[in-house]
C-alpha atoms as a PDB file:
ATOM      1  CA  MET A   1       1.581 -36.471  29.383  1.00  0.00           C
ATOM      2  CA  GLU A   2      -1.436 -34.800  30.957  1.00  0.00           C
ATOM      3  CA  PHE A   3      -0.029 -31.407  29.970  1.00  0.00           C
ATOM      4  CA  LEU A   4       0.290 -32.481  26.327  1.00  0.00           C
ATOM      5  CA  LEU A   5      -3.238 -33.872  26.269  1.00  0.00           C
ATOM      6  CA  ARG A   6      -4.621 -30.698  27.878  1.00  0.00           C
ATOM      7  CA  THR A   7      -2.754 -28.496  25.391  1.00  0.00           C
ATOM      8  CA  GLN A   8      -3.996 -30.566  22.444  1.00  0.00           C
ATOM      9  CA  LYS A   9      -7.546 -30.364  23.777  1.00  0.00           C
ATOM     10  CA  GLU A  10      -7.348 -26.585  24.166  1.00  0.00           C
ATOM     11  CA  CYS A  11      -6.000 -26.195  20.611  1.00  0.00           C
ATOM     12  CA  SER A  12      -8.948 -28.171  19.262  1.00  0.00           C
ATOM     13  CA  ARG A  13     -11.467 -25.786  20.819  1.00  0.00           C
ATOM     14  CA  ALA A  14     -12.898 -22.793  19.053  1.00  0.00           C
ATOM     15  CA  PRO A  15     -11.963 -19.335  20.388  1.00  0.00           C
ATOM     16  CA  THR A  16     -14.316 -18.077  23.037  1.00  0.00           C
ATOM     17  CA  ARG A  17     -16.302 -14.881  22.724  1.00  0.00           C
ATOM     18  CA  ALA A  18     -14.245 -13.316  25.516  1.00  0.00           C
ATOM     19  CA  GLN A  19     -10.961 -13.995  23.680  1.00  0.00           C
ATOM     20  CA  VAL A  20     -12.227 -12.530  20.416  1.00  0.00           C
ATOM     21  CA  THR A  21     -13.721  -9.484  22.140  1.00  0.00           C
ATOM     22  CA  HIS A  22     -10.505  -8.830  24.045  1.00  0.00           C
ATOM     23  CA  VAL A  23      -8.396  -8.834  20.883  1.00  0.00           C
ATOM     24  CA  TYR A  24     -10.969  -6.826  18.921  1.00  0.00           C
ATOM     25  CA  ARG A  25     -11.232  -4.084  21.536  1.00  0.00           C
ATOM     26  CA  GLY A  26      -7.460  -4.032  21.956  1.00  0.00           C
ATOM     27  CA  ILE A  27      -6.914  -3.450  18.232  1.00  0.00           C
ATOM     28  CA  LEU A  28      -9.458  -0.621  18.133  1.00  0.00           C
ATOM     29  CA  LYS A  29      -8.019   0.978  21.261  1.00  0.00           C
ATOM     30  CA  ASN A  30      -4.417   0.862  20.082  1.00  0.00           C
ATOM     31  CA  ALA A  31      -5.381   1.975  16.582  1.00  0.00           C
ATOM     32  CA  ARG A  32      -7.138   4.989  18.073  1.00  0.00           C
ATOM     33  CA  MET A  33      -3.927   5.909  19.935  1.00  0.00           C
ATOM     34  CA  PHE A  34      -1.716   5.816  16.804  1.00  0.00           C
ATOM     35  CA  PHE A  35      -0.534   9.268  15.704  1.00  0.00           C
ATOM     36  CA  ASP A  36      -1.111   8.993  11.932  1.00  0.00           C
ATOM     37  CA  ASP A  37      -4.746   9.714  11.051  1.00  0.00           C
ATOM     38  CA  THR A  38      -4.715   7.882   7.687  1.00  0.00           C
ATOM     39  CA  THR A  39      -3.317   4.707   9.222  1.00  0.00           C
ATOM     40  CA  ARG A  40      -5.575   5.025  12.240  1.00  0.00           C
ATOM     41  CA  GLU A  41      -8.730   5.249  10.135  1.00  0.00           C
ATOM     42  CA  PHE A  42      -7.709   2.372   7.862  1.00  0.00           C
ATOM     43  CA  ILE A  43      -6.887  -0.033  10.716  1.00  0.00           C
ATOM     44  CA  GLN A  44     -10.130   0.714  12.527  1.00  0.00           C
ATOM     45  CA  THR A  45     -12.240   0.285   9.390  1.00  0.00           C
ATOM     46  CA  TYR A  46     -10.469  -2.875   8.261  1.00  0.00           C
ATOM     47  CA  ALA A  47     -10.572  -4.454  11.741  1.00  0.00           C
ATOM     48  CA  LYS A  48     -14.329  -3.867  12.017  1.00  0.00           C
ATOM     49  CA  LEU A  49     -14.873  -5.335   8.561  1.00  0.00           C
ATOM     50  CA  LYS A  50     -12.803  -8.476   9.187  1.00  0.00           C
ATOM     51  CA  PHE A  51     -14.287  -9.205  12.605  1.00  0.00           C
ATOM     52  CA  ARG A  52     -17.852  -8.800  11.303  1.00  0.00           C
ATOM     53  CA  THR A  53     -17.088 -10.986   8.292  1.00  0.00           C
ATOM     54  CA  ASN A  54     -15.646 -13.795  10.435  1.00  0.00           C
ATOM     55  CA  LEU A  55     -18.189 -13.454  13.228  1.00  0.00           C
ATOM     56  CA  HIS A  56     -20.056 -16.651  12.367  1.00  0.00           C
ATOM     57  CA  ASP A  57     -17.134 -18.753  11.156  1.00  0.00           C
ATOM     58  CA  SER A  58     -17.799 -22.338  12.288  1.00  0.00           C
ATOM     59  CA  ASP A  59     -14.420 -23.777  11.248  1.00  0.00           C
ATOM     60  CA  THR A  60     -12.449 -24.174  14.492  1.00  0.00           C
ATOM     61  CA  GLU A  61      -8.990 -24.378  12.964  1.00  0.00           C
ATOM     62  CA  ARG A  62      -9.552 -21.404  10.673  1.00  0.00           C
ATOM     63  CA  ALA A  63     -11.033 -19.358  13.516  1.00  0.00           C
ATOM     64  CA  ARG A  64      -8.014 -19.998  15.747  1.00  0.00           C
ATOM     65  CA  LYS A  65      -5.662 -19.096  12.919  1.00  0.00           C
ATOM     66  CA  LYS A  66      -7.443 -15.804  12.333  1.00  0.00           C
ATOM     67  CA  LEU A  67      -7.430 -15.062  16.050  1.00  0.00           C
ATOM     68  CA  THR A  68      -3.668 -15.663  16.105  1.00  0.00           C
ATOM     69  CA  GLN A  69      -3.191 -13.236  13.225  1.00  0.00           C
ATOM     70  CA  ALA A  70      -5.328 -10.640  14.995  1.00  0.00           C
ATOM     71  CA  THR A  71      -3.313 -11.097  18.187  1.00  0.00           C
ATOM     72  CA  THR A  72      -0.090 -10.545  16.230  1.00  0.00           C
ATOM     73  CA  THR A  73      -1.555  -7.316  14.839  1.00  0.00           C
ATOM     74  CA  LEU A  74      -2.506  -6.227  18.346  1.00  0.00           C
ATOM     75  CA  HIS A  75       1.034  -6.775  19.627  1.00  0.00           C
ATOM     76  CA  LEU A  76       2.426  -4.853  16.630  1.00  0.00           C
ATOM     77  CA  LEU A  77       0.199  -1.870  17.421  1.00  0.00           C
ATOM     78  CA  GLU A  78       1.181  -1.982  21.094  1.00  0.00           C
ATOM     79  CA  ARG A  79       4.879  -1.877  20.226  1.00  0.00           C
ATOM     80  CA  ALA A  80       4.285   0.898  17.692  1.00  0.00           C
ATOM     81  CA  ASN A  81       2.493   3.024  20.286  1.00  0.00           C
ATOM     82  CA  LYS A  82       5.514   2.590  22.556  1.00  0.00           C
ATOM     83  CA  GLY A  83       7.656   4.199  19.844  1.00  0.00           C
ATOM     84  CA  LEU A  84       9.668   1.230  18.571  1.00  0.00           C
ATOM     85  CA  PHE A  85      11.005   2.442  15.233  1.00  0.00           C
ATOM     86  CA  LYS A  86      10.644  -0.718  13.125  1.00  0.00           C
ATOM     87  CA  ASP A  87       7.121  -1.350  14.371  1.00  0.00           C
ATOM     88  CA  VAL A  88       6.045   2.248  13.732  1.00  0.00           C
ATOM     89  CA  ILE A  89       7.323   2.014  10.149  1.00  0.00           C
ATOM     90  CA  SER A  90       5.581  -1.343   9.689  1.00  0.00           C
ATOM     91  CA  VAL A  91       2.241   0.103  10.822  1.00  0.00           C
ATOM     92  CA  LEU A  92       2.692   3.162   8.580  1.00  0.00           C
ATOM     93  CA  GLU A  93       3.432   0.885   5.619  1.00  0.00           C
ATOM     94  CA  TYR A  94       0.131  -0.913   6.211  1.00  0.00           C
ATOM     95  CA  GLY A  95      -1.707   2.409   6.328  1.00  0.00           C
ATOM     96  CA  TYR A  96      -0.176   3.804   3.122  1.00  0.00           C
ATOM     97  CA  GLY A  97      -0.381   0.629   1.041  1.00  0.00           C
ATOM     98  CA  ARG A  98       3.257  -0.411   1.063  1.00  0.00           C
ATOM     99  CA  LYS A  99       2.078  -3.866   2.127  1.00  0.00           C
ATOM    100  CA  GLY A 100      -1.056  -5.599   3.314  1.00  0.00           C
ATOM    101  CA  PRO A 101      -4.621  -5.410   1.968  1.00  0.00           C
ATOM    102  CA  ARG A 102      -4.512  -1.716   1.099  1.00  0.00           C
ATOM    103  CA  LYS A 103      -1.685  -2.327  -1.362  1.00  0.00           C
ATOM    104  CA  LEU A 104      -4.018  -4.182  -3.747  1.00  0.00           C
ATOM    105  CA  ILE A 105      -6.680  -1.499  -3.367  1.00  0.00           C
ATOM    106  CA  MET A 106      -4.232   1.279  -4.254  1.00  0.00           C
ATOM    107  CA  LEU A 107      -2.776  -0.674  -7.187  1.00  0.00           C
ATOM    108  CA  GLU A 108      -6.247  -1.156  -8.613  1.00  0.00           C
ATOM    109  CA  ALA A 109      -7.073   2.536  -8.174  1.00  0.00           C
ATOM    110  CA  THR A 110      -3.824   3.882  -9.656  1.00  0.00           C
ATOM    111  CA  VAL A 111      -2.692   1.425 -12.346  1.00  0.00           C
ATOM    112  CA  GLY A 112      -5.800  -0.724 -12.800  1.00  0.00           C
ATOM    113  CA  ILE A 113      -4.336  -3.956 -11.414  1.00  0.00           C
ATOM    114  CA  GLY A 114      -6.458  -5.550  -8.707  1.00  0.00           C
ATOM    115  CA  GLN A 115      -6.691  -8.979  -7.146  1.00  0.00           C
ATOM    116  CA  ARG A 116      -8.673 -10.512 -10.036  1.00  0.00           C
ATOM    117  CA  GLU A 117      -6.933  -8.807 -12.965  1.00  0.00           C
ATOM    118  CA  GLN A 118      -4.373 -10.867 -14.864  1.00  0.00           C
ATOM    119  CA  VAL A 119      -1.447  -9.571 -16.877  1.00  0.00           C
ATOM    120  CA  PHE A 120      -0.190 -11.659 -19.789  1.00  0.00           C
ATOM    121  CA  GLY A 121       1.591 -11.241 -23.104  1.00  0.00           C
ATOM    122  CA  THR A 122       4.829  -9.768 -24.363  1.00  0.00           C
ATOM    123  CA  LEU A 123       6.273  -6.409 -23.395  1.00  0.00           C
ATOM    124  CA  SER A 124       4.692  -4.611 -26.343  1.00  0.00           C
ATOM    125  CA  GLU A 125       1.288  -6.173 -25.656  1.00  0.00           C
ATOM    126  CA  VAL A 126       1.332  -5.264 -21.952  1.00  0.00           C
ATOM    127  CA  GLU A 127       2.525  -1.751 -22.761  1.00  0.00           C
ATOM    128  CA  LYS A 128      -0.457  -1.393 -25.090  1.00  0.00           C
ATOM    129  CA  TYR A 129      -3.335  -2.603 -22.915  1.00  0.00           C
ATOM    130  CA  ARG A 130      -1.820  -1.978 -19.435  1.00  0.00           C
ATOM    131  CA  PRO A 131       0.198   1.222 -19.952  1.00  0.00           C
ATOM    132  CA  ALA A 132       0.111   2.450 -16.341  1.00  0.00           C
ATOM    133  CA  PHE A 133       1.124  -0.947 -14.964  1.00  0.00           C
ATOM    134  CA  PHE A 134       3.905  -1.312 -17.518  1.00  0.00           C
ATOM    135  CA  ALA A 135       5.262   2.179 -16.784  1.00  0.00           C
ATOM    136  CA  LEU A 136       5.287   1.523 -13.023  1.00  0.00           C
ATOM    137  CA  ALA A 137       6.963  -1.876 -13.420  1.00  0.00           C
ATOM    138  CA  LYS A 138       9.568  -0.417 -15.766  1.00  0.00           C
ATOM    139  CA  TYR A 139      10.306   2.394 -13.310  1.00  0.00           C
ATOM    140  CA  GLN A 140      10.575   0.262 -10.162  1.00  0.00           C
ATOM    141  CA  LEU A 141      12.210  -2.893 -11.535  1.00  0.00           C
ATOM    142  CA  GLY A 142      13.890  -1.843 -14.773  1.00  0.00           C
ATOM    143  CA  CYS A 143      13.128  -3.001 -18.294  1.00  0.00           C
ATOM    144  CA  GLU A 144      15.653  -5.869 -18.168  1.00  0.00           C
ATOM    145  CA  LYS A 145      13.799  -7.548 -15.267  1.00  0.00           C
ATOM    146  CA  LEU A 146      10.439  -7.562 -17.012  1.00  0.00           C
ATOM    147  CA  THR A 147      11.281 -10.359 -19.434  1.00  0.00           C
ATOM    148  CA  VAL A 148      12.074 -13.998 -18.813  1.00  0.00           C
ATOM    149  CA  SER A 149      15.472 -15.136 -20.050  1.00  0.00           C
ATOM    150  CA  SER A 150      15.108 -18.035 -22.467  1.00  0.00           C
ATOM    151  CA  GLU A 151      18.495 -19.359 -21.356  1.00  0.00           C
ATOM    152  CA  ALA A 152      17.111 -20.154 -17.898  1.00  0.00           C
ATOM    153  CA  LEU A 153      14.272 -22.261 -19.327  1.00  0.00           C
ATOM    154  CA  LYS A 154      14.540 -25.965 -20.064  1.00  0.00           C
ATOM    155  CA  SER A 155      12.711 -25.595 -23.351  1.00  0.00           C
ATOM    156  CA  THR A 156      12.884 -22.759 -25.861  1.00  0.00           C
ATOM    157  CA  ASN A 157       9.517 -23.602 -27.324  1.00  0.00           C
ATOM    158  CA  PRO A 158       7.541 -20.374 -27.943  1.00  0.00           C
ATOM    159  CA  LEU A 159       4.563 -21.699 -25.988  1.00  0.00           C
ATOM    160  CA  ASN A 160       6.770 -22.528 -23.005  1.00  0.00           C
ATOM    161  CA  ILE A 161       8.350 -19.057 -23.114  1.00  0.00           C
ATOM    162  CA  ALA A 162       4.904 -17.445 -23.246  1.00  0.00           C
ATOM    163  CA  LYS A 163       3.729 -19.414 -20.187  1.00  0.00           C
ATOM    164  CA  ALA A 164       6.872 -18.491 -18.282  1.00  0.00           C
ATOM    165  CA  GLN A 165       6.386 -14.829 -19.173  1.00  0.00           C
ATOM    166  CA  ASP A 166       2.778 -14.877 -17.955  1.00  0.00           C
ATOM    167  CA  ALA A 167       3.897 -16.394 -14.632  1.00  0.00           C
ATOM    168  CA  HIS A 168       6.611 -13.750 -14.414  1.00  0.00           C
ATOM    169  CA  TRP A 169       4.025 -10.980 -14.797  1.00  0.00           C
ATOM    170  CA  GLU A 170       2.134 -12.403 -11.840  1.00  0.00           C
ATOM    171  CA  ARG A 171       5.271 -12.287  -9.677  1.00  0.00           C
ATOM    172  CA  ILE A 172       5.949  -8.715 -10.788  1.00  0.00           C
ATOM    173  CA  GLN A 173       2.402  -7.759  -9.855  1.00  0.00           C
ATOM    174  CA  HIS A 174       3.058  -8.743  -6.221  1.00  0.00           C
ATOM    175  CA  ARG A 175       6.387  -6.884  -6.103  1.00  0.00           C
ATOM    176  CA  LEU A 176       5.121  -3.493  -7.255  1.00  0.00           C
ATOM    177  CA  LEU A 177       4.441  -0.678  -4.811  1.00  0.00           C
ATOM    178  CA  PRO A 178       1.485   1.565  -5.664  1.00  0.00           C
ATOM    179  CA  PRO A 179       2.157   5.262  -6.351  1.00  0.00           C
ATOM    180  CA  ILE A 180       0.474   8.060  -4.410  1.00  0.00           C
ATOM    181  CA  ASP A 181      -1.138  11.298  -5.447  1.00  0.00           C
ATOM    182  CA  ALA A 182       0.312  14.803  -5.115  1.00  0.00           C
ATOM    183  CA  SER A 183      -1.765  15.787  -2.067  1.00  0.00           C
ATOM    184  CA  THR A 184      -0.613  12.768  -0.061  1.00  0.00           C
ATOM    185  CA  MET A 185       3.001  13.389  -1.065  1.00  0.00           C
ATOM    186  CA  ASN A 186       2.795  17.031   0.005  1.00  0.00           C
ATOM    187  CA  MET A 187       1.290  16.066   3.362  1.00  0.00           C
ATOM    188  CA  LEU A 188       4.023  13.502   4.076  1.00  0.00           C
ATOM    189  CA  GLU A 189       6.778  15.898   3.010  1.00  0.00           C
ATOM    190  CA  ASP A 190       5.352  18.601   5.273  1.00  0.00           C
ATOM    191  CA  ARG A 191       5.377  16.232   8.251  1.00  0.00           C
ATOM    192  CA  ALA A 192       8.876  15.025   7.408  1.00  0.00           C
ATOM    193  CA  ASN A 193      10.063  18.633   7.262  1.00  0.00           C
ATOM    194  CA  THR A 194       8.336  20.193  10.273  1.00  0.00           C
ATOM    195  CA  GLY A 195       7.650  17.215  12.523  1.00  0.00           C
ATOM    196  CA  VAL A 196       4.144  18.577  13.176  1.00  0.00           C
ATOM    197  CA  ILE A 197       1.113  16.356  12.568  1.00  0.00           C
ATOM    198  CA  THR A 198      -2.105  18.157  11.653  1.00  0.00           C
ATOM    199  CA  SER A 199      -4.947  15.688  11.266  1.00  0.00           C
ATOM    200  CA  ALA A 200      -7.682  15.920   8.656  1.00  0.00           C
ATOM    201  CA  ALA A 201     -10.263  16.512  11.400  1.00  0.00           C
ATOM    202  CA  MET A 202      -8.298  19.537  12.583  1.00  0.00           C
ATOM    203  CA  LEU A 203      -8.039  20.926   9.057  1.00  0.00           C
ATOM    204  CA  ALA A 204     -11.785  20.505   8.559  1.00  0.00           C
ATOM    205  CA  CYS A 205     -12.651  22.615  11.602  1.00  0.00           C
ATOM    206  CA  SER A 206     -14.178  25.940  10.577  1.00  0.00           C
ATOM    207  CA  ASP A 207     -14.546  27.628  13.978  1.00  0.00           C
ATOM    208  CA  PRO A 208     -12.038  27.901  16.854  1.00  0.00           C
ATOM    209  CA  GLN A 209     -14.355  26.188  19.356  1.00  0.00           C
ATOM    210  CA  THR A 210     -14.580  22.989  17.328  1.00  0.00           C
ATOM    211  CA  ALA A 211     -10.827  23.098  16.695  1.00  0.00           C
ATOM    212  CA  ASN A 212     -10.188  23.314  20.437  1.00  0.00           C
ATOM    213  CA  LEU A 213     -12.427  20.302  21.077  1.00  0.00           C
ATOM    214  CA  VAL A 214     -10.642  18.245  18.417  1.00  0.00           C
ATOM    215  CA  GLN A 215      -7.276  19.298  19.758  1.00  0.00           C
ATOM    216  CA  GLU A 216      -8.269  18.355  23.293  1.00  0.00           C
ATOM    217  CA  TRP A 217      -9.529  14.940  22.122  1.00  0.00           C
ATOM    218  CA  GLU A 218      -6.291  14.254  20.252  1.00  0.00           C
ATOM    219  CA  ARG A 219      -4.226  15.328  23.230  1.00  0.00           C
ATOM    220  CA  VAL A 220      -6.048  12.867  25.499  1.00  0.00           C
ATOM    221  CA  TRP A 221      -6.344   9.824  23.226  1.00  0.00           C
ATOM    222  CA  ILE A 222      -3.501  10.019  20.703  1.00  0.00           C
ATOM    223  CA  LYS A 223       0.161   9.526  21.505  1.00  0.00           C
ATOM    224  CA  ILE A 224       1.971  12.155  19.450  1.00  0.00           C
ATOM    225  CA  PRO A 225       5.732  11.473  19.270  1.00  0.00           C
ATOM    226  CA  GLU A 226       8.377  14.146  19.509  1.00  0.00           C
ATOM    227  CA  LYS A 227       9.089  16.225  16.417  1.00  0.00           C
ATOM    228  CA  ARG A 228      12.464  14.627  15.761  1.00  0.00           C
ATOM    229  CA  SER A 229      10.861  11.163  15.863  1.00  0.00           C
ATOM    230  CA  VAL A 230       8.075  12.270  13.513  1.00  0.00           C
ATOM    231  CA  ARG A 231      10.663  13.555  11.034  1.00  0.00           C
ATOM    232  CA  ARG A 232      12.523  10.224  11.088  1.00  0.00           C
ATOM    233  CA  TYR A 233       9.335   8.188  10.686  1.00  0.00           C
ATOM    234  CA  TYR A 234       8.102  10.040   7.618  1.00  0.00           C
ATOM    235  CA  ARG A 235      11.529  10.388   6.016  1.00  0.00           C
ATOM    236  CA  ARG A 236      11.890   6.631   6.250  1.00  0.00           C
ATOM    237  CA  LEU A 237       8.367   6.115   4.875  1.00  0.00           C
ATOM    238  CA  LEU A 238       9.017   8.448   1.931  1.00  0.00           C
ATOM    239  CA  GLU A 239      11.830   6.172   0.737  1.00  0.00           C
ATOM    240  CA  SER A 240       9.198   3.757  -0.607  1.00  0.00           C
ATOM    241  CA  MET A 241       6.861   6.485  -1.894  1.00  0.00           C
ATOM    242  CA  VAL A 242       6.652   7.788  -5.442  1.00  0.00           C
ATOM    243  CA  ARG A 243       4.231  10.236  -7.047  1.00  0.00           C
ATOM    244  CA  MET A 244       2.656   9.434 -10.405  1.00  0.00           C
ATOM    245  CA  ASP A 245       2.026  12.333 -12.783  1.00  0.00           C
ATOM    246  CA  VAL A 246      -0.148  11.693 -15.841  1.00  0.00           C
ATOM    247  CA  SER A 247       0.028  13.959 -18.892  1.00  0.00           C
ATOM    248  CA  THR A 248      -1.381  13.678 -22.409  1.00  0.00           C
ATOM    249  CA  ARG A 249       0.179  14.196 -25.818  1.00  0.00           C
ATOM    250  CA  MET A 250      -1.152  13.814 -29.365  1.00  0.00           C
ATOM    251  CA  VAL A 251       0.379  11.067 -31.534  1.00  0.00           C
ATOM    252  CA  ASP A 252      -0.354   9.649 -34.981  1.00  0.00           C
ATOM    253  CA  ASN A 253      -3.342   7.365 -35.201  1.00  0.00           C
ATOM    254  CA  PRO A 254      -2.040   3.871 -36.104  1.00  0.00           C
ATOM    255  CA  GLY A 255      -5.523   2.762 -37.186  1.00  0.00           C
ATOM    256  CA  LYS A 256      -5.857   5.388 -39.920  1.00  0.00           C
ATOM    257  CA  TYR A 257      -4.831   4.497 -43.456  1.00  0.00           C
ATOM    258  CA  LYS A 258      -2.337   7.069 -44.779  1.00  0.00           C
ATOM    259  CA  GLY A 259      -1.772   5.765 -48.317  1.00  0.00           C
ATOM    260  CA  ASN A 260      -3.465   6.759 -51.510  1.00  0.00           C
ATOM    261  CA  MET A 261      -6.527   8.964 -51.022  1.00  0.00           C
ATOM    262  CA  ALA A 262      -8.470   6.917 -53.570  1.00  0.00           C
ATOM    263  CA  ARG A 263      -8.119   3.746 -51.445  1.00  0.00           C
ATOM    264  CA  ARG A 264      -9.505   5.330 -48.295  1.00  0.00           C
ATOM    265  CA  SER A 265     -12.958   4.260 -47.231  1.00  0.00           C
ATOM    266  CA  ALA A 266     -15.564   6.550 -45.709  1.00  0.00           C
ATOM    267  CA  ILE A 267     -14.980   5.052 -42.260  1.00  0.00           C
ATOM    268  CA  ASP A 268     -11.226   5.559 -42.507  1.00  0.00           C
ATOM    269  CA  THR A 269     -11.654   9.163 -43.633  1.00  0.00           C
ATOM    270  CA  ALA A 270     -13.724   9.904 -40.524  1.00  0.00           C
ATOM    271  CA  LYS A 271     -10.931   8.717 -38.218  1.00  0.00           C
ATOM    272  CA  PRO A 272      -8.789  11.489 -36.691  1.00  0.00           C
ATOM    273  CA  ASP A 273      -5.181  11.884 -37.780  1.00  0.00           C
ATOM    274  CA  LEU A 274      -4.002  12.310 -34.162  1.00  0.00           C
ATOM    275  CA  ILE A 275      -5.129  10.546 -31.011  1.00  0.00           C
ATOM    276  CA  PRO A 276      -4.279  11.311 -27.354  1.00  0.00           C
ATOM    277  CA  GLU A 277      -1.664   9.200 -25.582  1.00  0.00           C
ATOM    278  CA  ARG A 278      -1.047   9.212 -21.850  1.00  0.00           C
ATOM    279  CA  ILE A 279       2.458   9.698 -20.484  1.00  0.00           C
ATOM    280  CA  TYR A 280       3.256   8.425 -16.989  1.00  0.00           C
ATOM    281  CA  ALA A 281       6.027  10.104 -15.019  1.00  0.00           C
ATOM    282  CA  PHE A 282       7.161   9.118 -11.522  1.00  0.00           C
ATOM    283  CA  VAL A 283       8.681  11.590  -9.083  1.00  0.00           C
ATOM    284  CA  GLU A 284      10.462  10.719  -5.845  1.00  0.00           C
ATOM    285  CA  SER A 285      10.337  12.926  -2.789  1.00  0.00           C
ATOM    286  CA  SER A 286      13.255  15.208  -2.006  1.00  0.00           C
ATOM    287  CA  MET A 287      12.621  14.612   1.720  1.00  0.00           C
ATOM    288  CA  ALA A 288      13.117  10.846   1.460  1.00  0.00           C
ATOM    289  CA  GLY A 289      16.059   9.355   3.299  1.00  0.00           C
ATOM    290  CA  TYR A 290      16.285   8.088   6.844  1.00  0.00           C
ATOM    291  CA  THR A 291      19.280   9.488   8.690  1.00  0.00           C
ATOM    292  CA  GLN A 292      20.800   7.530  11.532  1.00  0.00           C
ATOM    293  CA  PRO A 293      20.346   9.484  14.771  1.00  0.00           C
ATOM    294  CA  SER A 294      23.284  10.452  16.903  1.00  0.00           C
ATOM    295  CA  HIS A 295      24.305   8.437  19.933  1.00  0.00           C
ATOM    296  CA  ALA A 296      22.542  10.928  22.192  1.00  0.00           C
ATOM    297  CA  ASN A 297      19.223  10.287  20.404  1.00  0.00           C
ATOM    298  CA  ALA A 298      19.595   6.512  20.174  1.00  0.00           C
ATOM    299  CA  VAL A 299      17.331   6.017  23.187  1.00  0.00           C
ATOM    300  CA  ASP A 300      14.592   8.096  21.589  1.00  0.00           C
ATOM    301  CA  CYS A 301      14.964   6.226  18.276  1.00  0.00           C
ATOM    302  CA  ALA A 302      14.470   2.935  20.118  1.00  0.00           C
ATOM    303  CA  GLY A 303      11.289   4.269  21.663  1.00  0.00           C
ATOM    304  CA  LEU A 304      12.496   4.109  25.258  1.00  0.00           C
ATOM    305  CA  ASP A 305      11.663   6.772  27.824  1.00  0.00           C
END
């Protein structure tokens, strides 16, 4: 009974400064040891932002919940630095926007759908005012999964169908994975092919002396896996990656009257006959595809030494 009362009393207390500092420093330390520079920079920046934002949170229950989430993140980074395959992939997915807070940031930057934007309307309406989002949803989910089946609804009233379709767009918005640019795709494919990780700081070095200092720092602080492990990590990551190419073509202007010349107004005559239209194409990586290692490499795949 005393143990239950003591446990309940401890759960009602706010986290101490020592507990928060321990978790905060552990996240920064383990993030600094992670081999991927993009993921490393994102975790460090996001951890600093969240801890500074919640520094003066007076709600005890909310503070303990956030500390528990931070502790879970710390344990995930520790397992990833030990080389556990699933945990390494999970951390890489956070860094490249496959899940987590960066996913919404990348969706807003690539297809214009952020946390506050709402998508509503029929397929033709969404295709008109959200063309990038519609093209990505059509590519990843298929056109048949973008509409709500009226047979599954209790009422076939047009208003009820419209509300169900709007709710369906919101669910689709959370299921989409943001595309990446060509430079990021080329970098990931190069690492998946060679197994060599060249950080952005190393590429930015202009003289050999600075390059040697950066290389020495990375050798001391960063745990670089073996080349075969690096190839498996990035091949597995590329399975959820897709590159978005945007091109432009000229199409007929639907807002221009094309009937009798005598019925055209001065404003309509000034409108162009052709207007530009963007075309969105999505390209998968040829290096994507995680291959199961042989029995001799199973120990390395599990991250055991």
